[in-house]
Amino acid sequence: MDKSLVQISKFLSYVLRHRPDKVGLTLDDQGWVDVGALLDSCTLNGYALSRETIERVVATNDKQRFTISKDGTRIRASQGHSLSVNLGYEPAEPPAQLYHGTAERNLVSIRLQGLKKGKRHHVHLSTDEATARSVGSRHGKPVVLRVRASEMAAAGIEFFLSANGVWLTDSVPAAYLDYPDESDSSIIRFQQT
């Protein structure tokens, strides 16, 4: 994705996940907003976008952060909201293990409290270490944690799979986390706590 589309994607993430009011919009209960209203509101607030540009951002976003409705009239963020929305995801059976990327500075807190959703609706989990490492690198020196998801599910903890393949859960208790073995930095080996 070229730089201008990346900037537009970040702007749309901000508006559709956190602050639709910044451009005079209100999301519906499921996080949707009319594409025409989004275009008009953005233009009125100095962010002129076209329908074609939005469609390119949605189509080329490597993380598939956005969804356009089947009829093409509405758009929403796939997950990551700090606003109250019901994305309508049904509980799903997770794979045996998932991964979470974070910054090294968060490990002490995570070892004590597990993974918390913070201001978002869910904890976000990846199916592979590379994606988790990429996410963690946005926040500092990255650390990848392994989540024993099937054990959590067996204990009655629900998981949801977002439209863009991100696994979601309310929290991950510390007892279900494995941490990287720091004795060999060339290979990620996990140690169970």
C-alpha atoms as a PDB file:
ATOM      1  CA  MET A   1       0.000   0.000   0.000  1.00  0.00           C
ATOM      2  CA  ASP A   2       1.471   3.392  -0.941  1.00  0.00           C
ATOM      3  CA  LYS A   3       2.135   6.071   1.684  1.00  0.00           C
ATOM      4  CA  SER A   4      -0.938   8.157   0.953  1.00  0.00           C
ATOM      5  CA  LEU A   5      -3.197   5.107   1.309  1.00  0.00           C
ATOM      6  CA  VAL A   6      -1.473   4.191   4.587  1.00  0.00           C
ATOM      7  CA  GLN A   7      -2.247   7.672   5.933  1.00  0.00           C
ATOM      8  CA  ILE A   8      -5.870   7.396   4.816  1.00  0.00           C
ATOM      9  CA  SER A   9      -6.093   3.935   6.406  1.00  0.00           C
ATOM     10  CA  LYS A  10      -4.813   5.335   9.715  1.00  0.00           C
ATOM     11  CA  PHE A  11      -7.302   8.193   9.506  1.00  0.00           C
ATOM     12  CA  LEU A  12     -10.183   5.800   8.778  1.00  0.00           C
ATOM     13  CA  SER A  13      -9.084   3.562  11.671  1.00  0.00           C
ATOM     14  CA  TYR A  14      -9.165   6.552  13.995  1.00  0.00           C
ATOM     15  CA  VAL A  15     -12.623   7.663  12.803  1.00  0.00           C
ATOM     16  CA  LEU A  16     -14.248   4.213  12.505  1.00  0.00           C
ATOM     17  CA  ARG A  17     -12.750   2.713  15.673  1.00  0.00           C
ATOM     18  CA  HIS A  18     -12.429   5.588  18.098  1.00  0.00           C
ATOM     19  CA  ARG A  19     -13.627   9.058  17.130  1.00  0.00           C
ATOM     20  CA  PRO A  20     -16.375   9.298  14.491  1.00  0.00           C
ATOM     21  CA  ASP A  21     -17.419  12.514  16.220  1.00  0.00           C
ATOM     22  CA  LYS A  22     -14.211  14.172  14.939  1.00  0.00           C
ATOM     23  CA  VAL A  23     -15.891  14.355  11.530  1.00  0.00           C
ATOM     24  CA  GLY A  24     -19.451  14.669  12.809  1.00  0.00           C
ATOM     25  CA  LEU A  25     -20.486  11.019  12.454  1.00  0.00           C
ATOM     26  CA  THR A  26     -22.155   8.504  14.709  1.00  0.00           C
ATOM     27  CA  LEU A  27     -21.704   4.766  14.186  1.00  0.00           C
ATOM     28  CA  ASP A  28     -24.713   2.473  14.442  1.00  0.00           C
ATOM     29  CA  ASP A  29     -24.865  -0.279  17.091  1.00  0.00           C
ATOM     30  CA  GLN A  30     -22.761  -2.602  14.931  1.00  0.00           C
ATOM     31  CA  GLY A  31     -20.133  -0.014  14.021  1.00  0.00           C
ATOM     32  CA  TRP A  32     -21.436   0.735  10.522  1.00  0.00           C
ATOM     33  CA  VAL A  33     -21.621   4.166   8.901  1.00  0.00           C
ATOM     34  CA  ASP A  34     -23.015   5.139   5.515  1.00  0.00           C
ATOM     35  CA  VAL A  35     -20.175   5.550   2.991  1.00  0.00           C
ATOM     36  CA  GLY A  36     -21.808   8.658   1.487  1.00  0.00           C
ATOM     37  CA  ALA A  37     -22.147  10.243   4.936  1.00  0.00           C
ATOM     38  CA  LEU A  38     -18.497   9.408   5.665  1.00  0.00           C
ATOM     39  CA  LEU A  39     -17.377  11.032   2.412  1.00  0.00           C
ATOM     40  CA  ASP A  40     -19.499  14.148   3.029  1.00  0.00           C
ATOM     41  CA  SER A  41     -18.385  14.504   6.650  1.00  0.00           C
ATOM     42  CA  CYS A  42     -14.732  14.043   5.770  1.00  0.00           C
ATOM     43  CA  THR A  43     -14.968  16.676   3.018  1.00  0.00           C
ATOM     44  CA  LEU A  44     -16.674  19.145   5.381  1.00  0.00           C
ATOM     45  CA  ASN A  45     -13.831  18.606   7.865  1.00  0.00           C
ATOM     46  CA  GLY A  46     -10.967  19.041   5.399  1.00  0.00           C
ATOM     47  CA  TYR A  47     -10.319  15.368   4.566  1.00  0.00           C
ATOM     48  CA  ALA A  48     -11.540  15.086   0.990  1.00  0.00           C
ATOM     49  CA  LEU A  49     -11.828  11.412   0.027  1.00  0.00           C
ATOM     50  CA  SER A  50     -13.485   9.652  -2.874  1.00  0.00           C
ATOM     51  CA  ARG A  51     -15.436   6.408  -2.884  1.00  0.00           C
ATOM     52  CA  GLU A  52     -12.729   4.921  -5.137  1.00  0.00           C
ATOM     53  CA  THR A  53     -10.010   5.841  -2.613  1.00  0.00           C
ATOM     54  CA  ILE A  54     -11.935   4.221   0.234  1.00  0.00           C
ATOM     55  CA  GLU A  55     -12.487   1.090  -1.850  1.00  0.00           C
ATOM     56  CA  ARG A  56      -8.736   0.956  -2.646  1.00  0.00           C
ATOM     57  CA  VAL A  57      -7.863   1.317   1.045  1.00  0.00           C
ATOM     58  CA  VAL A  58     -10.265  -1.486   1.966  1.00  0.00           C
ATOM     59  CA  ALA A  59      -9.050  -3.754  -0.855  1.00  0.00           C
ATOM     60  CA  THR A  60      -5.313  -3.191  -0.342  1.00  0.00           C
ATOM     61  CA  ASN A  61      -5.085  -3.013   3.445  1.00  0.00           C
ATOM     62  CA  ASP A  62      -2.843  -5.937   4.363  1.00  0.00           C
ATOM     63  CA  LYS A  63      -4.597  -6.355   7.711  1.00  0.00           C
ATOM     64  CA  GLN A  64      -8.104  -6.081   6.230  1.00  0.00           C
ATOM     65  CA  ARG A  65      -9.041  -3.558   8.915  1.00  0.00           C
ATOM     66  CA  PHE A  66     -12.273  -2.512   7.208  1.00  0.00           C
ATOM     67  CA  THR A  67     -15.365  -4.144   5.774  1.00  0.00           C
ATOM     68  CA  ILE A  68     -17.746  -2.702   3.225  1.00  0.00           C
ATOM     69  CA  SER A  69     -21.306  -4.061   3.397  1.00  0.00           C
ATOM     70  CA  LYS A  70     -22.427  -6.467   0.683  1.00  0.00           C
ATOM     71  CA  ASP A  71     -24.571  -3.764  -0.902  1.00  0.00           C
ATOM     72  CA  GLY A  72     -21.625  -1.325  -0.886  1.00  0.00           C
ATOM     73  CA  THR A  73     -23.441   1.374   1.075  1.00  0.00           C
ATOM     74  CA  ARG A  74     -21.813   1.036   4.518  1.00  0.00           C
ATOM     75  CA  ILE A  75     -18.334   0.650   5.995  1.00  0.00           C
ATOM     76  CA  ARG A  76     -16.993  -0.337   9.415  1.00  0.00           C
ATOM     77  CA  ALA A  77     -13.762  -1.317  11.130  1.00  0.00           C
ATOM     78  CA  SER A  78     -13.395  -5.104  11.551  1.00  0.00           C
ATOM     79  CA  GLN A  79     -12.258  -4.864  15.186  1.00  0.00           C
ATOM     80  CA  GLY A  80     -10.243  -2.691  17.572  1.00  0.00           C
ATOM     81  CA  HIS A  81     -12.983  -0.307  18.645  1.00  0.00           C
ATOM     82  CA  SER A  82     -12.758   1.748  21.802  1.00  0.00           C
ATOM     83  CA  LEU A  83     -16.415   2.672  21.254  1.00  0.00           C
ATOM     84  CA  SER A  84     -19.293   0.446  22.281  1.00  0.00           C
ATOM     85  CA  VAL A  85     -20.272  -1.592  19.213  1.00  0.00           C
ATOM     86  CA  ASN A  86     -21.621  -5.097  18.681  1.00  0.00           C
ATOM     87  CA  LEU A  87     -19.803  -6.584  15.713  1.00  0.00           C
ATOM     88  CA  GLY A  88     -22.047  -9.645  15.801  1.00  0.00           C
ATOM     89  CA  TYR A  89     -19.253 -12.196  15.951  1.00  0.00           C
ATOM     90  CA  GLU A  90     -20.334 -15.623  17.157  1.00  0.00           C
ATOM     91  CA  PRO A  91     -18.164 -17.659  19.537  1.00  0.00           C
ATOM     92  CA  ALA A  92     -15.704 -19.854  17.636  1.00  0.00           C
ATOM     93  CA  GLU A  93     -13.405 -22.742  18.527  1.00  0.00           C
ATOM     94  CA  PRO A  94      -9.828 -21.399  18.487  1.00  0.00           C
ATOM     95  CA  PRO A  95      -6.749 -23.276  17.324  1.00  0.00           C
ATOM     96  CA  ALA A  96      -4.652 -24.963  20.019  1.00  0.00           C
ATOM     97  CA  GLN A  97      -2.393 -21.946  20.330  1.00  0.00           C
ATOM     98  CA  LEU A  98      -2.465 -18.309  19.383  1.00  0.00           C
ATOM     99  CA  TYR A  99       0.068 -15.498  19.763  1.00  0.00           C
ATOM    100  CA  HIS A 100       0.091 -12.012  21.199  1.00  0.00           C
ATOM    101  CA  GLY A 101       2.692  -9.382  20.408  1.00  0.00           C
ATOM    102  CA  THR A 102       3.557  -6.784  23.009  1.00  0.00           C
ATOM    103  CA  ALA A 103       6.429  -4.584  24.118  1.00  0.00           C
ATOM    104  CA  GLU A 104       9.022  -6.011  26.475  1.00  0.00           C
ATOM    105  CA  ARG A 105       8.269  -3.280  29.043  1.00  0.00           C
ATOM    106  CA  ASN A 106       4.767  -4.785  29.550  1.00  0.00           C
ATOM    107  CA  LEU A 107       5.957  -8.232  30.652  1.00  0.00           C
ATOM    108  CA  VAL A 108       6.004  -7.607  34.408  1.00  0.00           C
ATOM    109  CA  SER A 109       2.376  -6.481  34.382  1.00  0.00           C
ATOM    110  CA  ILE A 110       1.332  -9.294  32.026  1.00  0.00           C
ATOM    111  CA  ARG A 111       2.982 -11.941  34.207  1.00  0.00           C
ATOM    112  CA  LEU A 112       0.911 -10.656  37.142  1.00  0.00           C
ATOM    113  CA  GLN A 113      -2.417  -9.833  35.479  1.00  0.00           C
ATOM    114  CA  GLY A 114      -2.439 -11.657  32.165  1.00  0.00           C
ATOM    115  CA  LEU A 115      -3.592  -9.870  29.015  1.00  0.00           C
ATOM    116  CA  LYS A 116      -6.301  -7.256  29.510  1.00  0.00           C
ATOM    117  CA  LYS A 117      -8.335  -5.581  26.789  1.00  0.00           C
ATOM    118  CA  GLY A 118      -7.640  -2.091  28.115  1.00  0.00           C
ATOM    119  CA  LYS A 119      -9.715   0.515  26.272  1.00  0.00           C
ATOM    120  CA  ARG A 120     -10.624  -1.898  23.472  1.00  0.00           C
ATOM    121  CA  HIS A 121     -13.408  -4.448  23.402  1.00  0.00           C
ATOM    122  CA  HIS A 122     -11.145  -7.488  23.224  1.00  0.00           C
ATOM    123  CA  VAL A 123      -7.593  -8.784  23.464  1.00  0.00           C
ATOM    124  CA  HIS A 124      -6.312  -9.337  19.914  1.00  0.00           C
ATOM    125  CA  LEU A 125      -4.508 -12.580  19.074  1.00  0.00           C
ATOM    126  CA  SER A 126      -2.717 -13.824  15.959  1.00  0.00           C
ATOM    127  CA  THR A 127      -2.415 -17.285  14.459  1.00  0.00           C
ATOM    128  CA  ASP A 128       1.308 -16.851  13.783  1.00  0.00           C
ATOM    129  CA  GLU A 129       4.383 -15.502  15.536  1.00  0.00           C
ATOM    130  CA  ALA A 130       5.416 -13.193  12.676  1.00  0.00           C
ATOM    131  CA  THR A 131       2.171 -11.212  12.831  1.00  0.00           C
ATOM    132  CA  ALA A 132       2.376 -11.009  16.621  1.00  0.00           C
ATOM    133  CA  ARG A 133       5.978  -9.778  16.417  1.00  0.00           C
ATOM    134  CA  SER A 134       4.959  -7.100  13.918  1.00  0.00           C
ATOM    135  CA  VAL A 135       2.174  -5.932  16.251  1.00  0.00           C
ATOM    136  CA  GLY A 136       4.516  -5.909  19.249  1.00  0.00           C
ATOM    137  CA  SER A 137       7.138  -3.885  17.386  1.00  0.00           C
ATOM    138  CA  ARG A 138       4.681  -0.972  17.125  1.00  0.00           C
ATOM    139  CA  HIS A 139       4.942  -0.512  20.888  1.00  0.00           C
ATOM    140  CA  GLY A 140       8.670  -0.942  21.561  1.00  0.00           C
ATOM    141  CA  LYS A 141      11.047  -3.904  21.698  1.00  0.00           C
ATOM    142  CA  PRO A 142       8.717  -6.742  20.658  1.00  0.00           C
ATOM    143  CA  VAL A 143       7.995  -9.866  22.649  1.00  0.00           C
ATOM    144  CA  VAL A 144       5.774 -12.684  21.396  1.00  0.00           C
ATOM    145  CA  LEU A 145       3.664 -14.563  23.926  1.00  0.00           C
ATOM    146  CA  ARG A 146       2.055 -17.899  23.177  1.00  0.00           C
ATOM    147  CA  VAL A 147      -1.549 -18.324  24.330  1.00  0.00           C
ATOM    148  CA  ARG A 148      -2.793 -21.825  25.121  1.00  0.00           C
ATOM    149  CA  ALA A 149      -6.131 -21.086  23.489  1.00  0.00           C
ATOM    150  CA  SER A 150      -7.574 -24.593  23.415  1.00  0.00           C
ATOM    151  CA  GLU A 151      -7.024 -24.885  27.180  1.00  0.00           C
ATOM    152  CA  MET A 152      -8.796 -21.563  27.681  1.00  0.00           C
ATOM    153  CA  ALA A 153     -11.714 -22.683  25.514  1.00  0.00           C
ATOM    154  CA  ALA A 154     -11.937 -25.963  27.448  1.00  0.00           C
ATOM    155  CA  ALA A 155     -12.215 -23.863  30.624  1.00  0.00           C
ATOM    156  CA  GLY A 156     -15.207 -22.023  29.139  1.00  0.00           C
ATOM    157  CA  ILE A 157     -13.495 -18.842  27.932  1.00  0.00           C
ATOM    158  CA  GLU A 158     -15.021 -17.609  24.671  1.00  0.00           C
ATOM    159  CA  PHE A 159     -13.141 -16.687  21.514  1.00  0.00           C
ATOM    160  CA  PHE A 160     -14.375 -14.841  18.438  1.00  0.00           C
ATOM    161  CA  LEU A 161     -12.878 -14.698  14.956  1.00  0.00           C
ATOM    162  CA  SER A 162     -13.069 -11.261  13.321  1.00  0.00           C
ATOM    163  CA  ALA A 163     -13.748 -10.724   9.631  1.00  0.00           C
ATOM    164  CA  ASN A 164     -10.036 -10.139   9.022  1.00  0.00           C
ATOM    165  CA  GLY A 165      -8.783 -13.267  10.816  1.00  0.00           C
ATOM    166  CA  VAL A 166      -7.861 -11.722  14.170  1.00  0.00           C
ATOM    167  CA  TRP A 167      -8.865 -13.845  17.158  1.00  0.00           C
ATOM    168  CA  LEU A 168     -10.575 -11.956  19.966  1.00  0.00           C
ATOM    169  CA  THR A 169     -11.230 -12.738  23.626  1.00  0.00           C
ATOM    170  CA  ASP A 170     -12.104 -10.688  26.702  1.00  0.00           C
ATOM    171  CA  SER A 171      -8.860 -11.445  28.537  1.00  0.00           C
ATOM    172  CA  VAL A 172      -6.107 -14.017  28.791  1.00  0.00           C
ATOM    173  CA  PRO A 173      -5.335 -15.084  32.359  1.00  0.00           C
ATOM    174  CA  ALA A 174      -1.591 -15.325  33.075  1.00  0.00           C
ATOM    175  CA  ALA A 175      -1.953 -19.069  33.694  1.00  0.00           C
ATOM    176  CA  TYR A 176      -2.572 -19.600  29.939  1.00  0.00           C
ATOM    177  CA  LEU A 177       0.470 -17.684  28.700  1.00  0.00           C
ATOM    178  CA  ASP A 178       3.870 -19.018  27.692  1.00  0.00           C
ATOM    179  CA  TYR A 179       6.794 -16.608  27.531  1.00  0.00           C
ATOM    180  CA  PRO A 180       9.801 -16.691  25.194  1.00  0.00           C
ATOM    181  CA  ASP A 181      12.868 -18.439  26.525  1.00  0.00           C
ATOM    182  CA  GLU A 182      15.385 -15.625  26.462  1.00  0.00           C
ATOM    183  CA  SER A 183      18.434 -17.917  26.639  1.00  0.00           C
ATOM    184  CA  ASP A 184      18.497 -18.342  22.849  1.00  0.00           C
ATOM    185  CA  SER A 185      17.376 -15.251  20.935  1.00  0.00           C
ATOM    186  CA  SER A 186      17.859 -16.884  17.514  1.00  0.00           C
ATOM    187  CA  ILE A 187      14.991 -19.306  18.108  1.00  0.00           C
ATOM    188  CA  ILE A 188      11.745 -18.597  19.902  1.00  0.00           C
ATOM    189  CA  ARG A 189      11.263 -21.291  22.502  1.00  0.00           C
ATOM    190  CA  PHE A 190       8.471 -20.919  24.979  1.00  0.00           C
ATOM    191  CA  GLN A 191       8.451 -21.633  28.650  1.00  0.00           C
ATOM    192  CA  GLN A 192       5.233 -22.414  30.420  1.00  0.00           C
ATOM    193  CA  THR A 193       4.481 -20.543  33.635  1.00  0.00           C
END
